[in-house]
Amino acid sequence: MSKNVSKDILNKVKQKTGKNISENQIKKLASNVKPSTMQSESQLRELIKQVSNMAKIPVSEATINDIIKTVKSSGGMSNMESVMKMLMKK
């Protein structure tokens, strides 16, 4: 993940949730993400749920499955910011 979390992501979270998510909150969560996280369905599922809880955006099982399918078909997303962008599109 880049040193500075995209302000677009933070603004999108605020628009969708009405809540401010700090860059530090995202960095703390991202610090636990390893390349293997994007390869493991169970770890990826857990990450999606953590991001959903942090942003207070409910994510349906169908959406989680769509995200996992997209990550797997793309060969694994390279960073947490990509996962957050996908969540914000839903």
Protein backbone atom coordinates (compact mmCIF):
# COMPACT_ATOMS: atom_id res chain seq x y z
CA MET A 1 0.00 0.00 0.00
CA SER A 2 1.28 3.44 -0.77
CA LYS A 3 2.42 5.61 2.10
CA ASN A 4 -0.53 7.95 1.61
CA VAL A 5 -3.97 6.44 1.37
CA SER A 6 -5.82 7.90 -1.56
CA LYS A 7 -7.95 10.82 -0.46
CA ASP A 8 -10.50 9.61 -3.01
CA ILE A 9 -10.94 6.43 -0.99
CA LEU A 10 -11.34 8.30 2.28
CA ASN A 11 -13.83 10.70 0.68
CA LYS A 12 -15.78 7.83 -0.89
CA VAL A 13 -16.07 6.10 2.49
CA LYS A 14 -17.27 9.34 4.04
CA GLN A 15 -19.85 9.83 1.26
CA LYS A 16 -21.20 6.29 1.55
CA THR A 17 -21.22 6.05 5.34
CA GLY A 18 -21.32 9.61 6.62
CA LYS A 19 -18.37 8.56 8.79
CA ASN A 20 -14.78 9.66 8.69
CA ILE A 21 -12.35 6.78 8.42
CA SER A 22 -8.86 7.93 9.20
CA GLU A 23 -5.81 7.11 7.19
CA ASN A 24 -4.35 5.61 10.37
CA GLN A 25 -7.29 3.21 10.74
CA ILE A 26 -6.77 1.99 7.19
CA LYS A 27 -3.01 1.69 7.65
CA LYS A 28 -3.51 -0.31 10.85
CA LEU A 29 -5.77 -2.77 9.06
CA ALA A 30 -3.50 -2.86 6.01
CA SER A 31 -0.44 -3.62 8.12
CA ASN A 32 -1.84 -7.10 8.71
CA VAL A 33 -2.41 -7.77 5.01
CA LYS A 34 0.22 -9.90 3.29
CA PRO A 35 0.41 -11.02 -0.33
CA SER A 36 -0.84 -14.42 0.81
CA THR A 37 -4.01 -12.75 2.13
CA MET A 38 -5.09 -12.06 -1.44
CA GLN A 39 -4.53 -15.72 -2.38
CA SER A 40 -6.44 -17.30 0.50
CA GLU A 41 -10.23 -17.22 0.18
CA SER A 42 -10.75 -17.45 3.94
CA GLN A 43 -8.24 -14.67 4.68
CA LEU A 44 -9.67 -12.50 1.92
CA ARG A 45 -13.19 -13.09 3.22
CA GLU A 46 -12.04 -12.00 6.70
CA LEU A 47 -10.35 -8.89 5.27
CA ILE A 48 -13.53 -7.90 3.42
CA LYS A 49 -15.53 -8.27 6.62
CA GLN A 50 -12.99 -6.17 8.55
CA VAL A 51 -13.14 -3.40 5.96
CA SER A 52 -16.93 -3.61 5.94
CA ASN A 53 -17.06 -3.29 9.73
CA MET A 54 -14.55 -0.44 9.77
CA ALA A 55 -16.54 1.50 7.15
CA LYS A 56 -19.85 0.42 8.67
CA ILE A 57 -21.04 -0.73 5.26
CA PRO A 58 -22.96 -4.00 5.25
CA VAL A 59 -21.68 -6.35 2.58
CA SER A 60 -23.86 -9.21 1.41
CA GLU A 61 -22.52 -12.70 0.92
CA ALA A 62 -23.10 -12.27 -2.82
CA THR A 63 -20.94 -9.13 -2.86
CA ILE A 64 -18.21 -10.88 -0.87
CA ASN A 65 -18.29 -13.72 -3.40
CA ASP A 66 -18.11 -11.23 -6.29
CA ILE A 67 -15.09 -9.51 -4.75
CA ILE A 68 -13.34 -12.84 -4.14
CA LYS A 69 -14.10 -13.95 -7.71
CA THR A 70 -12.68 -10.68 -9.09
CA VAL A 71 -9.57 -10.90 -6.94
CA LYS A 72 -8.93 -14.48 -8.01
CA SER A 73 -9.51 -13.77 -11.70
CA SER A 74 -7.16 -10.78 -11.58
CA GLY A 75 -4.42 -12.87 -10.03
CA GLY A 76 -4.79 -11.12 -6.68
CA MET A 77 -5.17 -7.45 -6.06
CA SER A 78 -1.94 -5.78 -5.25
CA ASN A 79 -3.08 -3.77 -2.28
CA MET A 80 -5.78 -2.98 0.23
CA GLU A 81 -6.71 0.20 -1.58
CA SER A 82 -7.92 -1.90 -4.51
CA VAL A 83 -10.12 -3.97 -2.20
CA MET A 84 -11.58 -0.82 -0.67
CA LYS A 85 -12.32 0.60 -4.12
CA MET A 86 -14.24 -2.56 -4.96
CA LEU A 87 -16.23 -2.37 -1.72
CA MET A 88 -17.12 1.25 -2.37
CA LYS A 89 -18.49 0.39 -5.82
CA LYS A 90 -21.06 -1.98 -4.31
